[in-house]
């Protein structure tokens, strides 16, 4: 029986709760963010909880985030990349994490590769990050998120986990709930858990707000530039986060 997107996310919103120590495997944690802000939206609460618990954490920002405001003259691509990196570090600080845990791969936003030399280099960087924190868990965006960079990031996570057996690979959805309701979901109903992040919502809100280029009209010379809408922000202001078991 086919599971539709509407059914999938209704069921995901009702997954059982589990404590952090059951959501994550023992050891460190590596989070992959296709763009600076995905980590705050999809797993900011978990990151804050991991920091509070003293877990070793690495956050790998895959793309440069430089395609969100392509017509801005005040923020051409390199300037936008630098701005978004600074915002990412401010967001991590809001979650209780130091700048040293961040790794910026600076792959092209909206064109993150799913194969080839740059893909291979990214996978190696992810493995290096995993070894540096003795990671037991690798967390990336959901492979069926309707965004090419999220799909490529999921492919990187899958390849890294294949090369380092024993890593628990989990996924956090960011854009999936925007799929047309009748879209068939590969793999059937969701499998995974929810994490209660109510105690960390203030920190998560500060982290999301730190991404000013994506949440405000900070860049006001590109009327068509990307800004997260109120419905999207409300979606990630809930007292729980969803973590899905990834396919092997």
Protein backbone atom coordinates (compact mmCIF):
# COMPACT_ATOMS: atom_id res chain seq x y z
CA UNK A 1 0.00 0.00 0.00
CA UNK A 2 1.33 3.42 -0.99
CA UNK A 3 2.00 5.96 1.75
CA UNK A 4 1.29 9.51 0.64
CA UNK A 5 3.16 12.57 1.86
CA UNK A 6 0.14 13.71 3.87
CA UNK A 7 -0.11 10.32 5.58
CA UNK A 8 3.65 10.13 6.12
CA UNK A 9 3.91 13.43 7.94
CA UNK A 10 0.76 12.88 9.99
CA UNK A 11 2.34 9.63 11.17
CA UNK A 12 5.77 11.25 11.67
CA UNK A 13 4.16 13.85 13.93
CA UNK A 14 2.90 10.98 16.10
CA UNK A 15 6.09 8.89 16.31
CA UNK A 16 6.99 7.76 19.84
CA UNK A 17 9.21 9.95 21.97
CA UNK A 18 12.65 8.75 23.01
CA UNK A 19 15.30 10.39 25.21
CA UNK A 20 18.47 11.75 23.64
CA UNK A 21 20.52 8.76 24.73
CA UNK A 22 18.20 6.48 22.76
CA UNK A 23 17.88 8.72 19.70
CA UNK A 24 21.66 8.89 19.38
CA UNK A 25 24.11 6.02 19.47
CA UNK A 26 26.91 6.21 22.05
CA UNK A 27 29.74 8.52 21.04
CA UNK A 28 29.94 11.74 19.12
CA UNK A 29 27.54 13.26 16.62
CA UNK A 30 28.03 14.61 13.10
CA UNK A 31 25.25 16.75 11.61
CA UNK A 32 25.17 17.54 7.90
CA UNK A 33 23.40 20.76 6.88
CA UNK A 34 22.91 21.31 3.15
CA UNK A 35 22.66 25.05 3.83
CA UNK A 36 23.40 27.20 6.86
CA UNK A 37 20.02 27.25 8.69
CA UNK A 38 18.93 23.65 8.01
CA UNK A 39 20.68 22.54 11.20
CA UNK A 40 18.85 25.14 13.30
CA UNK A 41 15.46 24.41 11.76
CA UNK A 42 15.51 20.63 11.71
CA UNK A 43 17.65 19.67 14.68
CA UNK A 44 18.51 22.80 16.66
CA UNK A 45 16.87 21.35 19.75
CA UNK A 46 18.82 18.12 19.47
CA UNK A 47 22.06 20.07 19.00
CA UNK A 48 21.34 22.11 22.13
CA UNK A 49 20.54 18.92 24.05
CA UNK A 50 23.72 17.26 22.80
CA UNK A 51 25.76 20.28 23.86
CA UNK A 52 24.17 20.26 27.30
CA UNK A 53 24.88 16.53 27.62
CA UNK A 54 28.54 17.06 26.79
CA UNK A 55 28.46 15.12 23.53
CA UNK A 56 31.25 15.70 21.04
CA UNK A 57 29.64 17.35 18.00
CA UNK A 58 30.68 18.36 14.49
CA UNK A 59 28.41 20.26 12.10
CA UNK A 60 29.30 20.07 8.42
CA UNK A 61 27.78 22.83 6.27
CA UNK A 62 27.71 21.36 2.80
CA UNK A 63 26.84 24.26 0.48
CA UNK A 64 27.98 27.88 0.55
CA UNK A 65 24.41 29.18 0.84
CA UNK A 66 25.25 31.69 -1.87
CA UNK A 67 22.20 31.25 -4.11
CA UNK A 68 19.47 32.63 -1.83
CA UNK A 69 19.70 36.23 -3.11
CA UNK A 70 21.18 36.05 -6.62
CA UNK A 71 20.22 39.60 -7.64
CA UNK A 72 21.64 41.39 -4.62
CA UNK A 73 24.39 43.89 -5.44
CA UNK A 74 25.22 44.54 -1.80
CA UNK A 75 25.72 40.81 -1.22
CA UNK A 76 27.27 39.20 -4.29
CA UNK A 77 27.92 35.51 -3.94
CA UNK A 78 31.19 35.66 -1.99
CA UNK A 79 29.83 38.28 0.41
CA UNK A 80 26.65 36.24 0.90
CA UNK A 81 28.71 33.13 1.58
CA UNK A 82 30.67 34.96 4.27
CA UNK A 83 27.50 36.37 5.79
CA UNK A 84 25.86 32.96 5.96
CA UNK A 85 28.95 31.40 7.52
CA UNK A 86 28.93 34.11 10.20
CA UNK A 87 25.22 33.50 10.79
CA UNK A 88 25.86 29.77 11.13
CA UNK A 89 28.50 30.34 13.80
CA UNK A 90 26.17 32.71 15.67
CA UNK A 91 23.45 30.05 15.53
CA UNK A 92 25.79 27.40 16.92
CA UNK A 93 26.76 29.73 19.73
CA UNK A 94 23.07 30.20 20.56
CA UNK A 95 22.81 26.41 20.87
CA UNK A 96 25.80 26.26 23.22
CA UNK A 97 28.31 25.04 20.64
CA UNK A 98 31.72 26.59 19.82
CA UNK A 99 32.75 27.79 16.37
CA UNK A 100 35.49 25.12 16.25
CA UNK A 101 32.94 22.37 15.64
CA UNK A 102 31.86 23.86 12.28
CA UNK A 103 33.22 22.70 8.95
CA UNK A 104 32.29 24.60 5.77
CA UNK A 105 32.63 22.61 2.54
CA UNK A 106 31.48 25.62 0.44
CA UNK A 107 30.01 23.55 -2.37
CA UNK A 108 27.77 25.53 -4.75
CA UNK A 109 24.31 26.22 -3.36
CA UNK A 110 21.61 24.71 -5.62
CA UNK A 111 24.27 22.55 -7.32
CA UNK A 112 25.68 20.28 -4.59
CA UNK A 113 27.04 17.25 -6.46
CA UNK A 114 25.65 13.78 -6.03
CA UNK A 115 28.68 12.11 -7.63
CA UNK A 116 32.15 12.94 -8.91
CA UNK A 117 35.34 14.32 -7.43
CA UNK A 118 33.74 17.03 -5.28
CA UNK A 119 31.25 14.49 -3.92
CA UNK A 120 34.13 12.16 -3.02
CA UNK A 121 36.00 14.97 -1.29
CA UNK A 122 32.88 15.87 0.67
CA UNK A 123 32.40 12.27 1.80
CA UNK A 124 36.02 12.17 2.96
CA UNK A 125 35.52 15.43 4.89
CA UNK A 126 32.45 13.92 6.57
CA UNK A 127 34.43 10.80 7.52
CA UNK A 128 37.23 12.98 8.89
CA UNK A 129 34.70 14.88 11.01
CA UNK A 130 33.20 11.61 12.23
CA UNK A 131 36.58 10.28 13.30
CA UNK A 132 37.49 13.56 15.01
CA UNK A 133 34.51 13.28 17.35
CA UNK A 134 34.44 9.46 17.56
CA UNK A 135 30.95 9.66 16.08
CA UNK A 136 28.33 7.02 16.69
CA UNK A 137 25.63 8.93 14.83
CA UNK A 138 25.48 10.68 11.46
CA UNK A 139 22.49 12.95 10.98
CA UNK A 140 21.55 14.48 7.62
CA UNK A 141 18.51 15.94 5.93
CA UNK A 142 15.87 13.52 4.67
CA UNK A 143 16.58 12.15 1.20
CA UNK A 144 13.04 12.85 -0.02
CA UNK A 145 13.09 16.52 0.90
CA UNK A 146 12.14 18.29 -2.35
CA UNK A 147 15.46 20.08 -2.81
CA UNK A 148 18.40 18.88 -4.89
CA UNK A 149 20.98 19.86 -2.26
CA UNK A 150 19.13 17.90 0.43
CA UNK A 151 19.04 14.86 -1.82
CA UNK A 152 22.77 15.16 -2.51
CA UNK A 153 23.53 15.58 1.19
CA UNK A 154 21.56 12.42 1.96
CA UNK A 155 23.62 10.60 -0.69
CA UNK A 156 26.82 11.81 0.99
CA UNK A 157 25.56 10.54 4.35
CA UNK A 158 24.69 7.17 2.85
CA UNK A 159 28.12 6.79 1.28
CA UNK A 160 29.92 7.89 4.45
CA UNK A 161 27.92 5.39 6.51
CA UNK A 162 28.70 2.66 3.96
CA UNK A 163 32.41 3.36 4.35
CA UNK A 164 32.27 3.52 8.14
CA UNK A 165 30.13 0.61 9.34
CA UNK A 166 28.59 1.06 12.76
CA UNK A 167 27.48 4.66 12.30
CA UNK A 168 23.80 5.16 13.12
CA UNK A 169 22.43 7.15 10.19
CA UNK A 170 19.37 9.27 10.91
CA UNK A 171 17.50 11.87 8.88
CA UNK A 172 15.75 15.09 9.81
CA UNK A 173 13.09 16.40 7.40
CA UNK A 174 13.09 20.11 6.53
CA UNK A 175 11.09 20.61 3.32
CA UNK A 176 9.29 17.28 3.08
CA UNK A 177 6.04 18.56 4.54
CA UNK A 178 5.78 20.89 1.51
CA UNK A 179 5.42 17.94 -0.87
CA UNK A 180 2.00 17.76 -2.58
CA UNK A 181 -0.23 15.74 -0.21
CA UNK A 182 -0.69 12.85 -2.63
CA UNK A 183 3.01 12.37 -3.40
CA UNK A 184 4.02 8.71 -2.92
CA UNK A 185 6.74 8.29 -0.31
CA UNK A 186 9.39 5.70 -0.97
CA UNK A 187 9.91 3.21 1.83
CA UNK A 188 6.43 3.34 3.28
CA UNK A 189 5.38 4.76 6.66
CA UNK A 190 7.93 6.63 8.77
CA UNK A 191 10.19 4.77 11.16
CA UNK A 192 11.95 6.69 13.86
CA UNK A 193 11.38 8.75 16.98
CA UNK A 194 10.62 12.22 18.21
CA UNK A 195 12.75 14.14 20.67
CA UNK A 196 11.13 16.45 23.21
CA UNK A 197 12.98 19.76 22.74
CA UNK A 198 10.63 21.97 24.76
CA UNK A 199 13.41 22.82 27.24
CA UNK A 200 15.61 23.97 24.36
CA UNK A 201 13.06 25.97 22.36
CA UNK A 202 14.40 29.37 23.52
CA UNK A 203 17.89 28.43 22.32
CA UNK A 204 16.51 27.02 19.08
CA UNK A 205 14.55 30.21 18.44
CA UNK A 206 17.70 32.27 18.96
CA UNK A 207 19.61 30.01 16.58
CA UNK A 208 16.99 30.31 13.85
CA UNK A 209 16.85 34.09 14.32
CA UNK A 210 20.64 34.24 13.93
CA UNK A 211 20.15 33.33 10.27
CA UNK A 212 19.00 36.88 9.57
CA UNK A 213 19.53 36.72 5.82
CA UNK A 214 16.98 33.89 5.66
CA UNK A 215 14.44 35.04 8.26
CA UNK A 216 14.28 38.81 7.65
CA UNK A 217 14.59 41.35 4.86
CA UNK A 218 18.17 42.06 5.85
CA UNK A 219 19.08 41.78 2.16
CA UNK A 220 16.58 44.26 0.79
CA UNK A 221 17.98 44.84 -2.69
CA UNK A 222 16.71 41.55 -4.12
CA UNK A 223 12.89 41.54 -3.90
CA UNK A 224 12.79 37.94 -5.10
CA UNK A 225 15.41 36.73 -2.63
CA UNK A 226 14.59 33.80 -0.37
CA UNK A 227 13.06 34.37 3.05
CA UNK A 228 11.54 31.68 5.27
CA UNK A 229 7.82 32.26 5.55
CA UNK A 230 5.76 32.34 8.75
CA UNK A 231 4.27 28.88 8.18
CA UNK A 232 7.71 27.34 7.80
CA UNK A 233 9.02 29.05 10.92
CA UNK A 234 5.95 27.92 12.87
CA UNK A 235 6.55 24.34 11.75
CA UNK A 236 9.95 24.37 13.44
CA UNK A 237 8.76 26.15 16.56
CA UNK A 238 7.12 23.01 17.88
CA UNK A 239 8.24 21.31 21.13
CA UNK A 240 9.57 18.23 19.33
CA UNK A 241 11.83 17.26 16.45
CA UNK A 242 11.52 14.25 14.16
CA UNK A 243 14.37 11.83 13.50
CA UNK A 244 13.83 9.17 10.85
CA UNK A 245 15.67 5.92 10.40
CA UNK A 246 17.46 6.03 7.06
CA UNK A 247 17.35 3.20 4.59
CA UNK A 248 20.44 1.04 4.46
